[in-house]
Amino acid sequence: MSAQGRIARLARLVPAGASHARRTPFVLLVVVLLGSGLLTLLLLNASLNKGSFRLSKLEQETERLTDQQQALQQQVDGYSAPAVLERRAKGLGLVPGGVPVFLAPDGSVRGDAESAEVTE
């Protein structure tokens, strides 16, 4: 067989027009994958932004509660100052005690009991 006959036979095997039928499913697959990837990135970004806003809100609330806790601690410290406690105790009718007296485990009293003096 001649070279021209072989070329003619090979030319019949190759389609005459460019066929897009084989490329269409591949192109659709690539477009769908790219679209779903972009959509996933968009959803992920929205979720991260939502978390960021929530974190910012929680940080502000933490700061507010810390300030409130410090204000309450200052108030407690003001009530527990010795001069304030003495003034409030006198207002309730309490008087300062003398030397303390202790009870031993056997029931005996250690120390001399004295009555408290009322000072006004």
C-alpha atoms as a PDB file:
ATOM      1  CA  MET A   1       0.000   0.000   0.000  1.00  0.00           C
ATOM      2  CA  SER A   2       1.201   3.416  -0.785  1.00  0.00           C
ATOM      3  CA  ALA A   3       1.813   6.250   1.626  1.00  0.00           C
ATOM      4  CA  GLN A   4      -1.029   8.199   0.073  1.00  0.00           C
ATOM      5  CA  GLY A   5      -3.430   5.346   0.709  1.00  0.00           C
ATOM      6  CA  ARG A   6      -2.450   5.193   4.355  1.00  0.00           C
ATOM      7  CA  ILE A   7      -2.872   8.935   4.785  1.00  0.00           C
ATOM      8  CA  ALA A   8      -6.310   8.776   3.156  1.00  0.00           C
ATOM      9  CA  ARG A   9      -7.326   5.947   5.436  1.00  0.00           C
ATOM     10  CA  LEU A  10      -6.085   7.827   8.554  1.00  0.00           C
ATOM     11  CA  ALA A  11      -7.865  10.980   7.373  1.00  0.00           C
ATOM     12  CA  ARG A  12     -11.167   9.089   7.354  1.00  0.00           C
ATOM     13  CA  LEU A  13     -10.650   8.125  10.990  1.00  0.00           C
ATOM     14  CA  VAL A  14     -10.306  11.746  12.128  1.00  0.00           C
ATOM     15  CA  PRO A  15     -13.674  13.576  12.210  1.00  0.00           C
ATOM     16  CA  ALA A  16     -14.018  16.380   9.716  1.00  0.00           C
ATOM     17  CA  GLY A  17     -15.536  19.028  12.054  1.00  0.00           C
ATOM     18  CA  ALA A  18     -14.325  19.961  15.531  1.00  0.00           C
ATOM     19  CA  SER A  19     -16.511  18.092  18.015  1.00  0.00           C
ATOM     20  CA  HIS A  20     -17.536  19.912  21.222  1.00  0.00           C
ATOM     21  CA  ALA A  21     -19.650  17.053  22.469  1.00  0.00           C
ATOM     22  CA  ARG A  22     -16.826  15.517  24.478  1.00  0.00           C
ATOM     23  CA  ARG A  23     -15.758  18.812  26.039  1.00  0.00           C
ATOM     24  CA  THR A  24     -19.206  19.917  27.221  1.00  0.00           C
ATOM     25  CA  PRO A  25     -19.471  17.603  30.273  1.00  0.00           C
ATOM     26  CA  PHE A  26     -15.918  18.490  31.319  1.00  0.00           C
ATOM     27  CA  VAL A  27     -16.546  22.222  30.979  1.00  0.00           C
ATOM     28  CA  LEU A  28     -19.800  21.884  32.944  1.00  0.00           C
ATOM     29  CA  LEU A  29     -17.984  19.917  35.646  1.00  0.00           C
ATOM     30  CA  VAL A  30     -15.288  22.602  35.941  1.00  0.00           C
ATOM     31  CA  VAL A  31     -17.883  25.397  36.064  1.00  0.00           C
ATOM     32  CA  VAL A  32     -19.907  23.568  38.741  1.00  0.00           C
ATOM     33  CA  LEU A  33     -16.779  22.900  40.827  1.00  0.00           C
ATOM     34  CA  LEU A  34     -15.627  26.517  40.583  1.00  0.00           C
ATOM     35  CA  GLY A  35     -19.112  27.818  41.400  1.00  0.00           C
ATOM     36  CA  SER A  36     -19.510  25.545  44.408  1.00  0.00           C
ATOM     37  CA  GLY A  37     -16.008  26.486  45.598  1.00  0.00           C
ATOM     38  CA  LEU A  38     -16.813  30.186  45.387  1.00  0.00           C
ATOM     39  CA  LEU A  39     -20.139  29.655  47.139  1.00  0.00           C
ATOM     40  CA  THR A  40     -18.394  27.702  49.904  1.00  0.00           C
ATOM     41  CA  LEU A  41     -15.847  30.498  50.341  1.00  0.00           C
ATOM     42  CA  LEU A  42     -18.648  33.054  50.518  1.00  0.00           C
ATOM     43  CA  LEU A  43     -20.477  31.067  53.208  1.00  0.00           C
ATOM     44  CA  LEU A  44     -17.258  30.526  55.156  1.00  0.00           C
ATOM     45  CA  ASN A  45     -16.460  34.242  55.027  1.00  0.00           C
ATOM     46  CA  ALA A  46     -19.974  35.140  56.203  1.00  0.00           C
ATOM     47  CA  SER A  47     -19.685  32.663  59.073  1.00  0.00           C
ATOM     48  CA  LEU A  48     -16.311  34.111  60.126  1.00  0.00           C
ATOM     49  CA  ASN A  49     -17.719  37.651  60.037  1.00  0.00           C
ATOM     50  CA  LYS A  50     -20.660  36.573  62.195  1.00  0.00           C
ATOM     51  CA  GLY A  51     -18.249  35.004  64.692  1.00  0.00           C
ATOM     52  CA  SER A  52     -16.127  38.143  64.690  1.00  0.00           C
ATOM     53  CA  PHE A  53     -19.124  40.349  65.498  1.00  0.00           C
ATOM     54  CA  ARG A  54     -20.177  37.971  68.286  1.00  0.00           C
ATOM     55  CA  LEU A  55     -16.649  37.965  69.714  1.00  0.00           C
ATOM     56  CA  SER A  56     -16.581  41.774  69.683  1.00  0.00           C
ATOM     57  CA  LYS A  57     -19.941  41.904  71.473  1.00  0.00           C
ATOM     58  CA  LEU A  58     -18.770  39.407  74.103  1.00  0.00           C
ATOM     59  CA  GLU A  59     -15.548  41.371  74.679  1.00  0.00           C
ATOM     60  CA  GLN A  60     -17.576  44.545  75.276  1.00  0.00           C
ATOM     61  CA  GLU A  61     -19.856  42.694  77.692  1.00  0.00           C
ATOM     62  CA  THR A  62     -16.839  41.254  79.523  1.00  0.00           C
ATOM     63  CA  GLU A  63     -15.370  44.739  79.894  1.00  0.00           C
ATOM     64  CA  ARG A  64     -18.684  46.091  81.223  1.00  0.00           C
ATOM     65  CA  LEU A  65     -19.010  43.244  83.721  1.00  0.00           C
ATOM     66  CA  THR A  66     -15.396  43.694  84.847  1.00  0.00           C
ATOM     67  CA  ASP A  67     -16.070  47.379  85.536  1.00  0.00           C
ATOM     68  CA  GLN A  68     -19.229  46.453  87.455  1.00  0.00           C
ATOM     69  CA  GLN A  69     -17.340  43.840  89.497  1.00  0.00           C
ATOM     70  CA  GLN A  70     -14.644  46.384  90.390  1.00  0.00           C
ATOM     71  CA  ALA A  71     -17.264  48.914  91.467  1.00  0.00           C
ATOM     72  CA  LEU A  72     -18.962  46.302  93.664  1.00  0.00           C
ATOM     73  CA  GLN A  73     -15.607  45.276  95.163  1.00  0.00           C
ATOM     74  CA  GLN A  74     -14.895  48.914  96.066  1.00  0.00           C
ATOM     75  CA  GLN A  75     -18.317  49.106  97.701  1.00  0.00           C
ATOM     76  CA  VAL A  76     -17.618  45.949  99.733  1.00  0.00           C
ATOM     77  CA  ASP A  77     -14.203  47.293 100.727  1.00  0.00           C
ATOM     78  CA  GLY A  78     -15.881  50.517 101.898  1.00  0.00           C
ATOM     79  CA  TYR A  79     -18.331  48.576 104.085  1.00  0.00           C
ATOM     80  CA  SER A  80     -15.595  46.421 105.601  1.00  0.00           C
ATOM     81  CA  ALA A  81     -13.309  49.283 106.650  1.00  0.00           C
ATOM     82  CA  PRO A  82     -12.754  49.220 110.450  1.00  0.00           C
ATOM     83  CA  ALA A  83     -14.085  52.738 111.070  1.00  0.00           C
ATOM     84  CA  VAL A  84     -17.251  52.025 109.091  1.00  0.00           C
ATOM     85  CA  LEU A  85     -17.780  48.713 110.890  1.00  0.00           C
ATOM     86  CA  GLU A  86     -17.392  50.402 114.275  1.00  0.00           C
ATOM     87  CA  ARG A  87     -19.878  53.146 113.386  1.00  0.00           C
ATOM     88  CA  ARG A  88     -22.437  50.615 112.103  1.00  0.00           C
ATOM     89  CA  ALA A  89     -21.962  48.398 115.182  1.00  0.00           C
ATOM     90  CA  LYS A  90     -22.560  51.360 117.520  1.00  0.00           C
ATOM     91  CA  GLY A  91     -25.660  52.189 115.500  1.00  0.00           C
ATOM     92  CA  LEU A  92     -26.948  48.680 116.211  1.00  0.00           C
ATOM     93  CA  GLY A  93     -26.246  49.058 119.941  1.00  0.00           C
ATOM     94  CA  LEU A  94     -23.138  46.882 120.118  1.00  0.00           C
ATOM     95  CA  VAL A  95     -20.292  47.750 122.456  1.00  0.00           C
ATOM     96  CA  PRO A  96     -16.616  46.783 122.254  1.00  0.00           C
ATOM     97  CA  GLY A  97     -15.732  43.653 124.207  1.00  0.00           C
ATOM     98  CA  GLY A  98     -12.937  43.367 126.733  1.00  0.00           C
ATOM     99  CA  VAL A  99     -10.294  40.715 127.020  1.00  0.00           C
ATOM    100  CA  PRO A 100     -11.566  37.483 125.437  1.00  0.00           C
ATOM    101  CA  VAL A 101     -12.422  34.468 127.560  1.00  0.00           C
ATOM    102  CA  PHE A 102     -12.009  30.913 126.246  1.00  0.00           C
ATOM    103  CA  LEU A 103     -13.659  27.626 127.089  1.00  0.00           C
ATOM    104  CA  ALA A 104     -11.348  24.639 127.357  1.00  0.00           C
ATOM    105  CA  PRO A 105     -12.414  21.224 126.004  1.00  0.00           C
ATOM    106  CA  ASP A 106     -13.045  20.029 129.571  1.00  0.00           C
ATOM    107  CA  GLY A 107     -15.528  22.877 130.152  1.00  0.00           C
ATOM    108  CA  SER A 108     -13.295  25.074 132.312  1.00  0.00           C
ATOM    109  CA  VAL A 109     -13.075  28.824 131.611  1.00  0.00           C
ATOM    110  CA  ARG A 110      -9.708  30.324 130.762  1.00  0.00           C
ATOM    111  CA  GLY A 111      -9.437  34.032 131.455  1.00  0.00           C
ATOM    112  CA  ASP A 112     -11.401  36.490 133.600  1.00  0.00           C
ATOM    113  CA  ALA A 113     -14.879  37.338 132.338  1.00  0.00           C
ATOM    114  CA  GLU A 114     -15.779  41.018 132.614  1.00  0.00           C
ATOM    115  CA  SER A 115     -18.920  42.793 131.571  1.00  0.00           C
ATOM    116  CA  ALA A 116     -18.621  45.170 128.636  1.00  0.00           C
ATOM    117  CA  GLU A 117     -18.831  48.876 129.359  1.00  0.00           C
ATOM    118  CA  VAL A 118     -21.350  50.964 127.497  1.00  0.00           C
ATOM    119  CA  THR A 119     -19.778  54.138 126.131  1.00  0.00           C
ATOM    120  CA  GLU A 120     -21.791  56.804 124.397  1.00  0.00           C
END
